[in-house]
PDB file of N, CA and C in Angstrom:
ATOM      1  N   MET A   1     -80.634  11.667  46.850  1.00  0.00           N
ATOM      2  CA  MET A   1     -79.825  12.793  46.319  1.00  0.00           C
ATOM      3  C   MET A   1     -80.554  13.914  46.355  1.00  0.00           C
ATOM      4  N   LYS A   2     -79.827  15.318  46.876  1.00  0.00           N
ATOM      5  CA  LYS A   2     -80.391  16.613  47.199  1.00  0.00           C
ATOM      6  C   LYS A   2     -80.337  17.096  45.905  1.00  0.00           C
ATOM      7  N   LEU A   3     -81.440  17.967  45.944  1.00  0.00           N
ATOM      8  CA  LEU A   3     -81.287  19.062  44.420  1.00  0.00           C
ATOM      9  C   LEU A   3     -80.464  20.377  44.631  1.00  0.00           C
ATOM     10  N   THR A   4     -80.177  20.893  43.482  1.00  0.00           N
ATOM     11  CA  THR A   4     -79.166  21.951  43.806  1.00  0.00           C
ATOM     12  C   THR A   4     -80.333  23.104  43.977  1.00  0.00           C
ATOM     13  N   MET A   5     -80.168  24.102  44.420  1.00  0.00           N
ATOM     14  CA  MET A   5     -80.867  25.311  44.192  1.00  0.00           C
ATOM     15  C   MET A   5     -81.392  26.008  42.908  1.00  0.00           C
ATOM     16  N   GLY A   6     -80.557  25.772  41.767  1.00  0.00           N
ATOM     17  CA  GLY A   6     -80.637  25.915  40.461  1.00  0.00           C
ATOM     18  C   GLY A   6     -81.775  24.707  39.864  1.00  0.00           C
ATOM     19  N   GLU A   7     -81.697  23.393  40.605  1.00  0.00           N
ATOM     20  CA  GLU A   7     -82.661  22.434  40.089  1.00  0.00           C
ATOM     21  C   GLU A   7     -83.848  22.823  40.689  1.00  0.00           C
ATOM     22  N   LYS A   8     -83.978  23.086  41.607  1.00  0.00           N
ATOM     23  CA  LYS A   8     -85.056  23.325  42.290  1.00  0.00           C
ATOM     24  C   LYS A   8     -85.745  24.627  41.496  1.00  0.00           C
ATOM     25  N   ILE A   9     -85.193  25.659  41.186  1.00  0.00           N
ATOM     26  CA  ILE A   9     -85.748  26.702  40.514  1.00  0.00           C
ATOM     27  C   ILE A   9     -86.348  26.306  39.079  1.00  0.00           C
ATOM     28  N   ARG A  10     -85.450  25.648  38.533  1.00  0.00           N
ATOM     29  CA  ARG A  10     -85.907  24.944  37.215  1.00  0.00           C
ATOM     30  C   ARG A  10     -87.006  24.070  37.186  1.00  0.00           C
ATOM     31  N   ILE A  11     -87.347  23.354  38.092  1.00  0.00           N
ATOM     32  CA  ILE A  11     -88.402  22.715  38.493  1.00  0.00           C
ATOM     33  C   ILE A  11     -89.903  23.624  38.535  1.00  0.00           C
ATOM     34  N   LEU A  12     -89.396  24.721  39.264  1.00  0.00           N
ATOM     35  CA  LEU A  12     -90.455  25.785  39.412  1.00  0.00           C
ATOM     36  C   LEU A  12     -90.974  26.254  38.454  1.00  0.00           C
ATOM     37  N   LEU A  13     -89.748  26.713  37.426  1.00  0.00           N
ATOM     38  CA  LEU A  13     -90.205  27.242  36.238  1.00  0.00           C
ATOM     39  C   LEU A  13     -90.890  26.474  35.151  1.00  0.00           C
ATOM     40  N   LYS A  14     -90.309  25.196  35.079  1.00  0.00           N
ATOM     41  CA  LYS A  14     -91.421  24.206  34.594  1.00  0.00           C
ATOM     42  C   LYS A  14     -92.720  24.462  34.834  1.00  0.00           C
ATOM     43  N   ARG A  15     -93.014  24.133  35.980  1.00  0.00           N
ATOM     44  CA  ARG A  15     -94.485  24.257  36.866  1.00  0.00           C
ATOM     45  C   ARG A  15     -95.142  25.514  36.347  1.00  0.00           C
ATOM     46  N   LYS A  16     -94.295  26.614  36.236  1.00  0.00           N
ATOM     47  CA  LYS A  16     -95.025  27.806  36.012  1.00  0.00           C
ATOM     48  C   LYS A  16     -95.234  28.011  34.763  1.00  0.00           C
ATOM     49  N   ASN A  17     -94.542  27.134  33.799  1.00  0.00           N
ATOM     50  CA  ASN A  17     -94.390  27.347  32.493  1.00  0.00           C
ATOM     51  C   ASN A  17     -93.621  28.809  32.044  1.00  0.00           C
ATOM     52  N   VAL A  18     -92.479  28.940  32.751  1.00  0.00           N
ATOM     53  CA  VAL A  18     -91.572  30.131  32.571  1.00  0.00           C
ATOM     54  C   VAL A  18     -90.205  29.675  32.017  1.00  0.00           C
ATOM     55  N   THR A  19     -89.643  30.378  30.931  1.00  0.00           N
ATOM     56  CA  THR A  19     -88.447  29.930  30.597  1.00  0.00           C
ATOM     57  C   THR A  19     -87.269  30.976  31.592  1.00  0.00           C
ATOM     58  N   ILE A  20     -86.180  30.515  31.326  1.00  0.00           N
ATOM     59  CA  ILE A  20     -84.980  31.473  32.032  1.00  0.00           C
ATOM     60  C   ILE A  20     -85.111  32.594  31.303  1.00  0.00           C
ATOM     61  N   ILE A  21     -85.234  32.974  30.132  1.00  0.00           N
ATOM     62  CA  ILE A  21     -85.442  34.035  29.494  1.00  0.00           C
ATOM     63  C   ILE A  21     -86.427  35.016  29.979  1.00  0.00           C
ATOM     64  N   GLU A  22     -87.669  34.278  30.061  1.00  0.00           N
ATOM     65  CA  GLU A  22     -88.559  35.315  31.039  1.00  0.00           C
ATOM     66  C   GLU A  22     -88.619  35.824  31.969  1.00  0.00           C
ATOM     67  N   LEU A  23     -87.915  34.845  32.812  1.00  0.00           N
ATOM     68  CA  LEU A  23     -87.373  35.267  34.271  1.00  0.00           C
ATOM     69  C   LEU A  23     -86.359  36.440  34.243  1.00  0.00           C
ATOM     70  N   SER A  24     -85.508  36.174  33.596  1.00  0.00           N
ATOM     71  CA  SER A  24     -84.413  37.133  33.221  1.00  0.00           C
ATOM     72  C   SER A  24     -84.997  38.669  32.991  1.00  0.00           C
ATOM     73  N   LYS A  25     -85.881  38.825  32.100  1.00  0.00           N
ATOM     74  CA  LYS A  25     -86.716  39.840  31.880  1.00  0.00           C
ATOM     75  C   LYS A  25     -87.435  40.115  33.348  1.00  0.00           C
ATOM     76  N   ARG A  26     -88.210  39.583  33.702  1.00  0.00           N
ATOM     77  CA  ARG A  26     -88.679  39.668  35.043  1.00  0.00           C
ATOM     78  C   ARG A  26     -88.033  40.176  36.036  1.00  0.00           C
ATOM     79  N   LEU A  27     -86.909  39.954  36.200  1.00  0.00           N
ATOM     80  CA  LEU A  27     -85.766  40.557  37.099  1.00  0.00           C
ATOM     81  C   LEU A  27     -84.990  41.405  36.877  1.00  0.00           C
ATOM     82  N   GLY A  28     -85.265  41.911  35.594  1.00  0.00           N
ATOM     83  CA  GLY A  28     -84.453  43.041  35.111  1.00  0.00           C
ATOM     84  C   GLY A  28     -83.103  42.610  34.852  1.00  0.00           C
ATOM     85  N   THR A  29     -82.688  41.392  34.491  1.00  0.00           N
ATOM     86  CA  THR A  29     -81.052  41.114  34.143  1.00  0.00           C
ATOM     87  C   THR A  29     -81.204  40.388  33.032  1.00  0.00           C
ATOM     88  N   THR A  30     -79.887  40.053  32.474  1.00  0.00           N
ATOM     89  CA  THR A  30     -79.593  39.565  31.205  1.00  0.00           C
ATOM     90  C   THR A  30     -79.788  37.902  31.053  1.00  0.00           C
ATOM     91  N   ASN A  31     -80.290  37.522  30.053  1.00  0.00           N
ATOM     92  CA  ASN A  31     -80.229  36.024  30.013  1.00  0.00           C
ATOM     93  C   ASN A  31     -78.742  35.509  30.513  1.00  0.00           C
ATOM     94  N   GLN A  32     -77.820  35.965  29.708  1.00  0.00           N
ATOM     95  CA  GLN A  32     -76.485  35.597  30.046  1.00  0.00           C
ATOM     96  C   GLN A  32     -76.070  35.509  31.485  1.00  0.00           C
ATOM     97  N   ASN A  33     -76.200  36.534  32.546  1.00  0.00           N
ATOM     98  CA  ASN A  33     -76.128  36.742  34.017  1.00  0.00           C
ATOM     99  C   ASN A  33     -76.797  35.428  34.370  1.00  0.00           C
ATOM    100  N   MET A  34     -78.198  35.084  33.963  1.00  0.00           N
ATOM    101  CA  MET A  34     -79.162  34.344  34.765  1.00  0.00           C
ATOM    102  C   MET A  34     -78.393  32.855  34.478  1.00  0.00           C
ATOM    103  N   ALA A  35     -77.926  32.419  32.901  1.00  0.00           N
ATOM    104  CA  ALA A  35     -77.465  31.373  32.704  1.00  0.00           C
ATOM    105  C   ALA A  35     -76.228  30.773  33.452  1.00  0.00           C
ATOM    106  N   ASN A  36     -75.218  31.994  33.850  1.00  0.00           N
ATOM    107  CA  ASN A  36     -74.010  31.962  34.763  1.00  0.00           C
ATOM    108  C   ASN A  36     -74.621  31.796  36.076  1.00  0.00           C
ATOM    109  N   LYS A  37     -75.647  32.100  36.661  1.00  0.00           N
ATOM    110  CA  LYS A  37     -76.089  31.874  38.233  1.00  0.00           C
ATOM    111  C   LYS A  37     -76.533  30.485  38.414  1.00  0.00           C
ATOM    112  N   PHE A  38     -77.324  30.232  37.133  1.00  0.00           N
ATOM    113  CA  PHE A  38     -77.728  28.552  36.777  1.00  0.00           C
ATOM    114  C   PHE A  38     -76.424  27.701  37.081  1.00  0.00           C
ATOM    115  N   LYS A  39     -75.473  28.091  36.136  1.00  0.00           N
ATOM    116  CA  LYS A  39     -74.223  27.273  35.983  1.00  0.00           C
ATOM    117  C   LYS A  39     -73.390  26.993  36.981  1.00  0.00           C
ATOM    118  N   ARG A  40     -73.257  28.373  37.748  1.00  0.00           N
ATOM    119  CA  ARG A  40     -72.654  28.050  39.355  1.00  0.00           C
ATOM    120  C   ARG A  40     -73.298  27.840  40.377  1.00  0.00           C
ATOM    121  N   ASP A  41     -74.470  27.825  40.347  1.00  0.00           N
ATOM    122  CA  ASP A  41     -75.546  27.632  41.188  1.00  0.00           C
ATOM    123  C   ASP A  41     -75.422  28.664  42.302  1.00  0.00           C
ATOM    124  N   ASN A  42     -75.111  29.661  42.264  1.00  0.00           N
ATOM    125  CA  ASN A  42     -74.989  30.782  42.787  1.00  0.00           C
ATOM    126  C   ASN A  42     -75.726  31.894  42.967  1.00  0.00           C
ATOM    127  N   PHE A  43     -76.932  31.638  43.914  1.00  0.00           N
ATOM    128  CA  PHE A  43     -78.141  32.491  44.124  1.00  0.00           C
ATOM    129  C   PHE A  43     -77.911  33.088  45.558  1.00  0.00           C
ATOM    130  N   SER A  44     -77.891  34.520  45.719  1.00  0.00           N
ATOM    131  CA  SER A  44     -77.833  35.339  47.003  1.00  0.00           C
ATOM    132  C   SER A  44     -79.399  35.122  47.625  1.00  0.00           C
ATOM    133  N   MET A  45     -79.505  35.194  48.797  1.00  0.00           N
ATOM    134  CA  MET A  45     -80.995  35.178  49.534  1.00  0.00           C
ATOM    135  C   MET A  45     -81.643  36.280  48.792  1.00  0.00           C
ATOM    136  N   ASN A  46     -81.171  37.640  48.420  1.00  0.00           N
ATOM    137  CA  ASN A  46     -82.331  38.605  48.072  1.00  0.00           C
ATOM    138  C   ASN A  46     -82.608  37.921  46.436  1.00  0.00           C
ATOM    139  N   GLU A  47     -81.493  37.512  45.630  1.00  0.00           N
ATOM    140  CA  GLU A  47     -81.941  36.930  44.526  1.00  0.00           C
ATOM    141  C   GLU A  47     -83.277  35.765  44.437  1.00  0.00           C
ATOM    142  N   LEU A  48     -83.134  35.025  45.619  1.00  0.00           N
ATOM    143  CA  LEU A  48     -83.978  33.914  45.546  1.00  0.00           C
ATOM    144  C   LEU A  48     -85.344  34.302  45.912  1.00  0.00           C
ATOM    145  N   GLU A  49     -85.279  35.401  46.767  1.00  0.00           N
ATOM    146  CA  GLU A  49     -86.674  36.040  47.037  1.00  0.00           C
ATOM    147  C   GLU A  49     -87.262  36.893  45.950  1.00  0.00           C
ATOM    148  N   ALA A  50     -86.194  37.522  45.202  1.00  0.00           N
ATOM    149  CA  ALA A  50     -86.697  38.118  43.932  1.00  0.00           C
ATOM    150  C   ALA A  50     -87.291  37.441  42.898  1.00  0.00           C
ATOM    151  N   ILE A  51     -86.897  36.003  42.671  1.00  0.00           N
ATOM    152  CA  ILE A  51     -87.157  34.827  42.077  1.00  0.00           C
ATOM    153  C   ILE A  51     -88.690  34.225  42.294  1.00  0.00           C
ATOM    154  N   ALA A  52     -88.558  34.347  43.576  1.00  0.00           N
ATOM    155  CA  ALA A  52     -90.038  33.703  44.336  1.00  0.00           C
ATOM    156  C   ALA A  52     -90.901  34.662  43.879  1.00  0.00           C
ATOM    157  N   GLU A  53     -90.594  35.995  43.955  1.00  0.00           N
ATOM    158  CA  GLU A  53     -91.415  37.266  43.696  1.00  0.00           C
ATOM    159  C   GLU A  53     -91.986  37.038  42.360  1.00  0.00           C
ATOM    160  N   ALA A  54     -91.164  36.753  41.510  1.00  0.00           N
ATOM    161  CA  ALA A  54     -91.252  37.018  39.988  1.00  0.00           C
ATOM    162  C   ALA A  54     -92.156  35.610  39.687  1.00  0.00           C
ATOM    163  N   LEU A  55     -92.139  34.540  40.259  1.00  0.00           N
ATOM    164  CA  LEU A  55     -92.850  33.654  39.880  1.00  0.00           C
ATOM    165  C   LEU A  55     -94.113  33.239  40.748  1.00  0.00           C
ATOM    166  N   ASP A  56     -94.224  34.168  41.577  1.00  0.00           N
ATOM    167  CA  ASP A  56     -95.702  34.545  42.235  1.00  0.00           C
ATOM    168  C   ASP A  56     -95.532  33.230  43.471  1.00  0.00           C
ATOM    169  N   CYS A  57     -94.811  33.300  44.162  1.00  0.00           N
ATOM    170  CA  CYS A  57     -94.623  32.065  45.365  1.00  0.00           C
ATOM    171  C   CYS A  57     -93.921  32.564  46.286  1.00  0.00           C
ATOM    172  N   GLU A  58     -93.384  31.882  47.329  1.00  0.00           N
ATOM    173  CA  GLU A  58     -92.636  32.402  48.444  1.00  0.00           C
ATOM    174  C   GLU A  58     -91.456  31.713  48.699  1.00  0.00           C
ATOM    175  N   PHE A  59     -90.358  32.282  49.152  1.00  0.00           N
ATOM    176  CA  PHE A  59     -89.355  31.410  49.239  1.00  0.00           C
ATOM    177  C   PHE A  59     -89.122  31.493  50.767  1.00  0.00           C
ATOM    178  N   GLU A  60     -89.014  30.295  51.397  1.00  0.00           N
ATOM    179  CA  GLU A  60     -88.700  30.204  52.501  1.00  0.00           C
ATOM    180  C   GLU A  60     -87.264  29.233  52.804  1.00  0.00           C
ATOM    181  N   GLY A  61     -86.248  30.203  53.253  1.00  0.00           N
ATOM    182  CA  GLY A  61     -84.894  29.366  53.550  1.00  0.00           C
ATOM    183  C   GLY A  61     -84.908  29.401  55.016  1.00  0.00           C
ATOM    184  N   TYR A  62     -84.336  28.090  55.295  1.00  0.00           N
ATOM    185  CA  TYR A  62     -84.113  27.654  56.424  1.00  0.00           C
ATOM    186  C   TYR A  62     -82.775  26.518  56.841  1.00  0.00           C
ATOM    187  N   PHE A  63     -82.327  26.309  57.959  1.00  0.00           N
ATOM    188  CA  PHE A  63     -81.089  25.209  58.302  1.00  0.00           C
ATOM    189  C   PHE A  63     -82.019  24.070  58.666  1.00  0.00           C
ATOM    190  N   VAL A  64     -81.199  23.118  58.359  1.00  0.00           N
ATOM    191  CA  VAL A  64     -81.869  21.748  59.067  1.00  0.00           C
ATOM    192  C   VAL A  64     -80.813  21.220  59.854  1.00  0.00           C
ATOM    193  N   ASP A  65     -80.730  20.654  60.874  1.00  0.00           N
ATOM    194  CA  ASP A  65     -79.563  20.366  61.866  1.00  0.00           C
ATOM    195  C   ASP A  65     -79.411  18.638  61.306  1.00  0.00           C
ATOM    196  N   LYS A  66     -78.773  17.916  61.763  1.00  0.00           N
ATOM    197  CA  LYS A  66     -78.270  16.778  61.484  1.00  0.00           C
ATOM    198  C   LYS A  66     -79.312  15.554  61.724  1.00  0.00           C
ATOM    199  N   ASP A  67     -80.302  16.279  62.886  1.00  0.00           N
ATOM    200  CA  ASP A  67     -81.374  15.294  63.069  1.00  0.00           C
ATOM    201  C   ASP A  67     -82.559  15.751  62.570  1.00  0.00           C
ATOM    202  N   GLY A  68     -82.519  16.306  61.333  1.00  0.00           N
ATOM    203  CA  GLY A  68     -84.031  16.592  60.554  1.00  0.00           C
ATOM    204  C   GLY A  68     -84.546  17.737  61.014  1.00  0.00           C
ATOM    205  N   ASP A  69     -84.289  18.347  62.186  1.00  0.00           N
ATOM    206  CA  ASP A  69     -85.105  19.346  62.842  1.00  0.00           C
ATOM    207  C   ASP A  69     -84.826  20.777  61.962  1.00  0.00           C
ATOM    208  N   LYS A  70     -85.976  21.550  61.498  1.00  0.00           N
ATOM    209  CA  LYS A  70     -85.525  22.676  61.173  1.00  0.00           C
ATOM    210  C   LYS A  70     -85.194  23.867  62.259  1.00  0.00           C
ATOM    211  N   ILE A  71     -84.410  24.753  61.676  1.00  0.00           N
ATOM    212  CA  ILE A  71     -83.817  25.854  62.492  1.00  0.00           C
ATOM    213  C   ILE A  71     -84.179  27.279  61.963  1.00  0.00           C
TER     214      ILE A  71
END
């Protein structure tokens, strides 16, 4: 079973000991807006990069073809 982006971010938040409220503050957005993003699993590439920066890590987005090769 594949994890959604929201699930991956939640795992990272737990590892970094950061709450969604704290992440919202770091990103300069409201907790409600962030909760809605998680609910819909709707993150833009720019938001994912900002989240990575706020959590002191890197985001590397990529496509994987059906053979498992990264593109």
